[in-house]
């Protein structure tokens, strides 16, 4: 299957993308991974992207699109892929359509992870990270440490990242509503959007997503 995964920050896209890609046996292609891989390998696209990033500028759509095109042409993506973080706006969605048309293939579904805005704020703003090891993550409500402000694993100090503050989260949501959310209507016009609730345990959301995708595939 060829799937685009969309949803606001805090919807659990990264977690679900990894799980769904494994279940569907297709590569998980995220823009973050694309940038890191190209910059690490010092490809021409990576050097170009880094020049924009070092200058504090957004990487232009055409560079992101070229990276995505290169990745989707790799052998492991021949029978499908799951796109996470791309396309980010309607112009990128239009460019993706053109790319797929050139290859005589098409998307099977656009999976929209739906989460109420206040839940997103609660999920992200309540997150606390260990200063000793960023993989040790806690939450003020959903995963409280035994002792406030102290990591259960190593005893390190727990802190809130600057980009996890409520003010920053709400700004990120504004960007999502303005730039990315319009692609949902774009794909709805093509009959591709499958919307599911991203509330509940991770396994439950994954099962919900797989069920919705299978139903969507069966109707094609």
Protein backbone atom coordinates (compact mmCIF):
# COMPACT_ATOMS: atom_id res chain seq x y z
CA UNK A 1 0.00 0.00 0.00
CA UNK A 2 1.00 3.60 -0.60
CA UNK A 3 -0.12 5.75 2.30
CA UNK A 4 0.24 9.33 3.48
CA UNK A 5 -0.04 9.81 7.25
CA UNK A 6 -1.33 13.15 8.51
CA UNK A 7 -2.30 14.57 11.88
CA UNK A 8 -1.45 17.41 14.26
CA UNK A 9 1.68 17.45 16.42
CA UNK A 10 1.11 15.16 19.38
CA UNK A 11 -1.15 12.80 17.46
CA UNK A 12 1.41 10.00 17.68
CA UNK A 13 2.30 9.97 13.98
CA UNK A 14 5.87 8.81 14.52
CA UNK A 15 4.85 5.91 16.75
CA UNK A 16 1.99 4.82 14.49
CA UNK A 17 4.04 5.24 11.32
CA UNK A 18 6.71 2.86 12.61
CA UNK A 19 4.16 0.29 13.73
CA UNK A 20 2.01 0.49 10.60
CA UNK A 21 4.99 0.29 8.25
CA UNK A 22 6.14 -2.87 10.01
CA UNK A 23 2.68 -4.45 9.90
CA UNK A 24 2.17 -3.52 6.23
CA UNK A 25 5.77 -4.43 5.31
CA UNK A 26 6.52 -1.15 3.59
CA UNK A 27 9.23 1.42 4.37
CA UNK A 28 8.43 4.31 6.69
CA UNK A 29 9.59 7.47 4.91
CA UNK A 30 9.73 10.56 7.12
CA UNK A 31 11.01 13.99 6.15
CA UNK A 32 13.15 14.11 9.29
CA UNK A 33 14.88 10.86 8.34
CA UNK A 34 15.29 12.06 4.76
CA UNK A 35 17.03 15.24 5.86
CA UNK A 36 19.26 13.44 8.35
CA UNK A 37 20.25 10.72 5.85
CA UNK A 38 21.04 13.14 3.03
CA UNK A 39 22.98 15.51 5.30
CA UNK A 40 24.89 12.62 6.91
CA UNK A 41 25.83 11.15 3.51
CA UNK A 42 26.64 14.64 2.21
CA UNK A 43 24.57 14.16 -0.92
CA UNK A 44 24.06 17.19 -3.16
CA UNK A 45 20.51 17.49 -1.84
CA UNK A 46 21.78 17.15 1.71
CA UNK A 47 24.34 19.91 1.23
CA UNK A 48 21.67 22.12 -0.30
CA UNK A 49 19.21 21.47 2.54
CA UNK A 50 21.94 22.11 5.14
CA UNK A 51 22.81 25.46 3.57
CA UNK A 52 19.22 26.63 4.11
CA UNK A 53 19.01 25.17 7.60
CA UNK A 54 22.35 26.70 8.68
CA UNK A 55 21.06 30.08 7.53
CA UNK A 56 17.97 29.61 9.66
CA UNK A 57 15.70 29.29 6.64
CA UNK A 58 13.07 26.70 5.72
CA UNK A 59 14.18 24.10 3.20
CA UNK A 60 12.33 24.90 -0.08
CA UNK A 61 9.60 22.54 -1.25
CA UNK A 62 11.55 21.55 -4.34
CA UNK A 63 14.45 20.21 -2.25
CA UNK A 64 12.13 18.20 0.02
CA UNK A 65 10.27 16.87 -3.01
CA UNK A 66 13.51 15.81 -4.71
CA UNK A 67 14.59 13.92 -1.57
CA UNK A 68 11.22 12.19 -1.34
CA UNK A 69 11.36 11.26 -5.03
CA UNK A 70 14.81 9.74 -4.62
CA UNK A 71 13.69 7.73 -1.58
CA UNK A 72 10.49 6.45 -3.20
CA UNK A 73 12.53 5.17 -6.14
CA UNK A 74 14.58 2.85 -3.91
CA UNK A 75 13.95 -0.91 -4.39
CA UNK A 76 12.36 -1.42 -0.95
CA UNK A 77 9.60 1.07 -1.85
CA UNK A 78 8.64 -0.70 -5.06
CA UNK A 79 5.53 -2.29 -3.54
CA UNK A 80 4.52 0.57 -1.29
CA UNK A 81 5.53 3.11 1.33
CA UNK A 82 4.21 5.13 4.23
CA UNK A 83 4.91 8.86 4.01
CA UNK A 84 5.18 10.71 7.33
CA UNK A 85 5.66 14.50 7.28
CA UNK A 86 5.43 14.71 3.50
CA UNK A 87 3.51 16.30 1.90
CA UNK A 88 3.31 19.20 4.38
CA UNK A 89 1.24 21.53 2.24
CA UNK A 90 -0.99 21.53 -0.83
CA UNK A 91 1.81 22.45 -3.23
CA UNK A 92 3.81 19.44 -2.03
CA UNK A 93 0.69 17.25 -2.38
CA UNK A 94 0.27 18.43 -5.97
CA UNK A 95 3.95 17.72 -6.66
CA UNK A 96 3.57 14.23 -5.17
CA UNK A 97 0.60 13.58 -7.46
CA UNK A 98 2.74 14.53 -10.44
CA UNK A 99 5.57 12.27 -9.29
CA UNK A 100 3.26 9.30 -8.85
CA UNK A 101 1.56 9.97 -12.18
CA UNK A 102 4.96 9.84 -13.89
CA UNK A 103 5.55 6.41 -12.33
CA UNK A 104 1.99 5.30 -13.23
CA UNK A 105 1.19 4.59 -9.57
CA UNK A 106 -1.19 6.22 -7.11
CA UNK A 107 -1.86 6.59 -3.42
CA UNK A 108 -4.13 4.03 -1.75
CA UNK A 109 -5.11 6.13 1.25
CA UNK A 110 -4.43 9.21 3.33
CA UNK A 111 -4.72 8.25 7.00
CA UNK A 112 -5.82 11.20 9.13
CA UNK A 113 -5.11 10.81 12.86
CA UNK A 114 -7.69 12.91 14.65
CA UNK A 115 -7.02 14.31 18.13
CA UNK A 116 -8.86 17.16 19.93
CA UNK A 117 -6.69 20.25 20.20
CA UNK A 118 -6.77 20.38 24.01
CA UNK A 119 -5.63 16.76 24.16
CA UNK A 120 -2.65 17.64 21.93
CA UNK A 121 -1.72 20.49 24.27
CA UNK A 122 -2.07 18.19 27.29
CA UNK A 123 0.02 15.43 25.68
CA UNK A 124 2.93 17.65 24.69
CA UNK A 125 2.95 20.29 27.43
CA UNK A 126 2.85 17.59 30.11
CA UNK A 127 5.89 15.78 28.73
CA UNK A 128 9.09 15.72 30.82
CA UNK A 129 12.50 14.57 29.56
CA UNK A 130 15.50 13.27 31.52
CA UNK A 131 18.55 15.51 31.22
CA UNK A 132 20.84 12.46 31.36
CA UNK A 133 19.08 10.47 28.65
CA UNK A 134 16.43 11.95 26.34
CA UNK A 135 14.99 8.47 25.71
CA UNK A 136 13.67 8.51 29.30
CA UNK A 137 10.34 10.30 28.84
CA UNK A 138 7.66 10.86 31.46
CA UNK A 139 4.38 12.74 31.62
CA UNK A 140 2.76 14.74 34.37
CA UNK A 141 -0.53 12.88 33.92
CA UNK A 142 -0.04 9.76 31.79
CA UNK A 143 3.34 8.49 33.06
CA UNK A 144 4.26 10.12 36.35
CA UNK A 145 7.69 9.44 37.85
CA UNK A 146 7.75 7.97 41.35
CA UNK A 147 9.30 11.21 42.59
CA UNK A 148 8.40 14.57 41.05
CA UNK A 149 11.13 15.92 38.79
CA UNK A 150 13.32 12.81 39.08
CA UNK A 151 13.86 10.12 36.42
CA UNK A 152 12.80 6.65 37.59
CA UNK A 153 15.50 5.03 35.45
CA UNK A 154 18.69 6.91 36.32
CA UNK A 155 17.76 9.57 38.87
CA UNK A 156 18.43 12.41 36.45
CA UNK A 157 16.56 15.70 36.53
CA UNK A 158 13.35 15.84 34.49
CA UNK A 159 12.68 19.01 32.54
CA UNK A 160 10.29 20.46 29.96
CA UNK A 161 11.81 21.21 26.56
CA UNK A 162 11.29 24.76 25.30
CA UNK A 163 9.32 23.53 22.29
CA UNK A 164 7.01 21.55 24.59
CA UNK A 165 5.67 24.64 26.39
CA UNK A 166 1.94 25.30 26.00
CA UNK A 167 2.59 28.55 24.12
CA UNK A 168 4.90 26.84 21.62
CA UNK A 169 2.53 23.90 21.18
CA UNK A 170 -0.34 26.24 20.33
CA UNK A 171 1.86 28.03 17.79
CA UNK A 172 2.77 24.67 16.23
CA UNK A 173 -0.93 23.85 16.02
CA UNK A 174 -1.58 27.15 14.25
CA UNK A 175 1.08 26.28 11.67
CA UNK A 176 -0.48 22.84 11.23
CA UNK A 177 -3.98 24.29 10.72
CA UNK A 178 -2.69 26.86 8.24
CA UNK A 179 -0.19 24.84 6.22
CA UNK A 180 -0.83 21.11 6.56
CA UNK A 181 -4.51 20.66 7.38
CA UNK A 182 -5.62 21.94 3.93
CA UNK A 183 -4.13 18.80 2.34
CA UNK A 184 -6.90 16.81 4.03
CA UNK A 185 -9.53 18.62 1.97
CA UNK A 186 -7.28 18.27 -1.09
CA UNK A 187 -7.20 14.48 -0.68
CA UNK A 188 -10.86 14.27 0.35
CA UNK A 189 -11.70 15.56 -3.11
CA UNK A 190 -9.90 12.48 -4.44
CA UNK A 191 -11.76 10.15 -2.08
CA UNK A 192 -8.57 9.07 -0.33
CA UNK A 193 -8.98 10.25 3.25
CA UNK A 194 -9.58 7.74 6.05
CA UNK A 195 -10.04 9.45 9.43
CA UNK A 196 -9.59 7.62 12.72
CA UNK A 197 -9.45 8.70 16.35
CA UNK A 198 -5.91 8.69 17.73
CA UNK A 199 -7.17 8.59 21.32
CA UNK A 200 -6.56 5.55 23.48
CA UNK A 201 -3.74 3.02 23.98
CA UNK A 202 -1.11 2.79 21.22
CA UNK A 203 -2.06 -0.81 20.31
CA UNK A 204 -5.70 0.17 20.05
CA UNK A 205 -4.94 3.06 17.69
CA UNK A 206 -2.76 0.81 15.53
CA UNK A 207 -5.53 -1.78 15.30
CA UNK A 208 -8.04 0.92 14.45
CA UNK A 209 -5.77 2.24 11.69
CA UNK A 210 -5.11 -1.20 10.19
CA UNK A 211 -8.82 -2.00 10.18
CA UNK A 212 -9.66 1.29 8.45
CA UNK A 213 -6.92 0.81 5.85
CA UNK A 214 -8.03 -2.74 5.08
CA UNK A 215 -11.61 -1.58 4.61
CA UNK A 216 -10.41 1.20 2.35
CA UNK A 217 -8.27 -1.23 0.32
CA UNK A 218 -11.19 -3.63 -0.04
CA UNK A 219 -13.35 -0.95 -1.67
CA UNK A 220 -10.81 -0.24 -4.44
